[in-house]
Amino acid sequence: MTNPVLAGCPDAVRAYMSLTTGDDHTTAIVSFADAAHVTDDGRDHHGTSEIRKWLDRTSSEYTYTSTPLVAQADAESGRTTVTCRLEGTFPGSPVDLDYRFRLDSACRISRLEIVVHDSGRSLSAG
């Protein structure tokens, strides 16, 4: 069942958000362009090999749930931001994070930046 918050997001974003909450990193990695770049927790991961290692590490390091709160997609720019609440066995739980995606011309993820949500900004869509 698709989360209604993600309904207006591009396929690659929906796939990433649903597949990374489980253990299906092999399928999740196909959402990324070969030369994709991910920044998470101040660390950069370049290319699908490093991104796969990052996905494996983050899923085994902590137990957590991720609940999408709001999503904003701009098809013209290829940018999508999804704000999620993460709750789990990690320091600082719970936390709201912004997943900032950029897609390439083939609609695959070329850039993903994960940052703490700015609490001064509204969590409403639009």
Protein backbone atom coordinates (compact mmCIF):
# COMPACT_ATOMS: atom_id res chain seq x y z
CA MET A 1 0.00 0.00 0.00
CA THR A 2 1.40 3.39 -0.99
CA ASN A 3 1.65 6.09 1.63
CA PRO A 4 -0.73 8.90 0.58
CA VAL A 5 1.89 11.55 1.47
CA LEU A 6 4.13 10.09 -1.25
CA ALA A 7 1.39 9.79 -3.90
CA GLY A 8 2.51 12.87 -5.88
CA CYS A 9 6.21 11.98 -5.77
CA PRO A 10 8.19 10.61 -8.72
CA ASP A 11 8.46 6.81 -8.96
CA ALA A 12 12.15 6.76 -7.93
CA VAL A 13 11.43 8.73 -4.76
CA ARG A 14 8.47 6.54 -3.81
CA ALA A 15 10.56 3.42 -4.47
CA TYR A 16 13.46 4.70 -2.36
CA MET A 17 11.20 5.72 0.54
CA SER A 18 9.35 2.39 0.61
CA LEU A 19 12.24 0.02 -0.13
CA THR A 20 14.79 1.50 2.26
CA THR A 21 12.51 1.00 5.25
CA GLY A 22 12.90 -2.75 4.68
CA ASP A 23 15.89 -4.84 3.78
CA ASP A 24 15.51 -4.66 0.00
CA HIS A 25 18.55 -2.50 -0.72
CA THR A 26 19.24 -4.32 -3.99
CA THR A 27 15.96 -3.07 -5.40
CA ALA A 28 16.33 0.35 -3.75
CA ILE A 29 19.71 0.91 -5.40
CA VAL A 30 18.18 0.74 -8.90
CA SER A 31 16.43 4.03 -8.09
CA PHE A 32 19.85 5.73 -8.19
CA ALA A 33 21.83 6.90 -11.21
CA ASP A 34 25.23 5.21 -11.53
CA ALA A 35 27.08 8.40 -10.52
CA ALA A 36 24.61 9.43 -7.81
CA HIS A 37 25.74 11.33 -4.73
CA VAL A 38 24.27 10.96 -1.23
CA THR A 39 25.05 13.17 1.76
CA ASP A 40 23.88 11.90 5.14
CA ASP A 41 25.07 12.76 8.64
CA GLY A 42 27.88 14.89 7.20
CA ARG A 43 29.27 12.05 5.08
CA ASP A 44 29.31 11.81 1.30
CA HIS A 45 28.71 8.62 -0.67
CA HIS A 46 29.45 8.59 -4.41
CA GLY A 47 28.23 5.99 -6.88
CA THR A 48 25.95 3.02 -6.38
CA SER A 49 28.63 0.86 -4.74
CA GLU A 50 29.20 3.35 -1.91
CA ILE A 51 25.48 4.08 -1.66
CA ARG A 52 24.71 0.35 -1.26
CA LYS A 53 27.29 0.13 1.58
CA TRP A 54 25.72 3.20 3.20
CA LEU A 55 22.23 1.69 2.97
CA ASP A 56 23.46 -1.60 4.46
CA ARG A 57 25.29 0.19 7.29
CA THR A 58 22.42 2.50 8.25
CA SER A 59 19.87 -0.33 8.29
CA SER A 60 22.03 -2.60 10.46
CA GLU A 61 23.32 0.08 12.84
CA TYR A 62 19.95 1.13 14.27
CA THR A 63 16.36 -0.04 14.43
CA TYR A 64 13.92 2.67 13.42
CA THR A 65 10.63 3.51 11.77
CA SER A 66 10.21 6.28 9.23
CA THR A 67 6.89 8.06 8.77
CA PRO A 68 6.54 10.48 5.83
CA LEU A 69 4.87 13.68 7.06
CA VAL A 70 4.84 15.86 3.95
CA ALA A 71 6.23 15.79 0.42
CA GLN A 72 6.78 18.51 -2.14
CA ALA A 73 7.65 17.61 -5.73
CA ASP A 74 8.62 19.96 -8.55
CA ALA A 75 8.62 18.05 -11.84
CA GLU A 76 10.15 20.98 -13.74
CA SER A 77 13.28 21.17 -11.61
CA GLY A 78 13.44 17.44 -10.82
CA ARG A 79 13.54 18.23 -7.11
CA THR A 80 11.49 16.56 -4.41
CA THR A 81 11.65 17.01 -0.64
CA VAL A 82 10.11 14.48 1.73
CA THR A 83 10.00 15.25 5.45
CA CYS A 84 9.90 12.14 7.64
CA ARG A 85 9.77 11.48 11.35
CA LEU A 86 12.31 8.84 12.38
CA GLU A 87 11.87 7.07 15.69
CA GLY A 88 14.16 4.35 16.93
CA THR A 89 17.25 3.21 18.77
CA PHE A 90 19.52 6.06 17.70
CA PRO A 91 20.70 9.12 19.67
CA GLY A 92 18.29 12.05 19.42
CA SER A 93 15.21 9.96 18.56
CA PRO A 94 12.69 11.02 17.44
CA VAL A 95 13.87 13.41 14.75
CA ASP A 96 12.30 14.98 11.67
CA LEU A 97 14.51 14.74 8.59
CA ASP A 98 14.27 16.29 5.14
CA TYR A 99 15.18 13.98 2.26
CA ARG A 100 16.08 16.31 -0.61
CA PHE A 101 16.10 14.48 -3.93
CA ARG A 102 17.23 15.57 -7.37
CA LEU A 103 16.44 13.41 -10.37
CA ASP A 104 18.35 13.08 -13.62
CA SER A 105 16.85 13.11 -17.12
CA ALA A 106 16.12 9.36 -16.83
CA CYS A 107 14.11 10.04 -13.63
CA ARG A 108 16.63 8.29 -11.40
CA ILE A 109 18.00 9.80 -8.19
CA SER A 110 21.16 11.75 -8.99
CA ARG A 111 21.45 13.50 -5.62
CA LEU A 112 20.06 12.85 -2.16
CA GLU A 113 20.78 15.06 0.81
CA ILE A 114 19.41 14.09 4.22
CA VAL A 115 19.30 16.90 6.78
CA VAL A 116 17.54 17.69 10.03
CA HIS A 117 14.26 19.44 9.29
CA ASP A 118 14.22 23.16 10.02
CA SER A 119 11.60 23.34 12.78
CA GLY A 120 10.91 26.96 11.82
CA ARG A 121 9.42 25.77 8.55
CA SER A 122 5.87 24.49 8.28
CA LEU A 123 5.21 20.79 7.77
CA SER A 124 2.22 21.51 5.54
CA ALA A 125 2.26 20.64 1.86
CA GLY A 126 2.52 23.37 -0.72
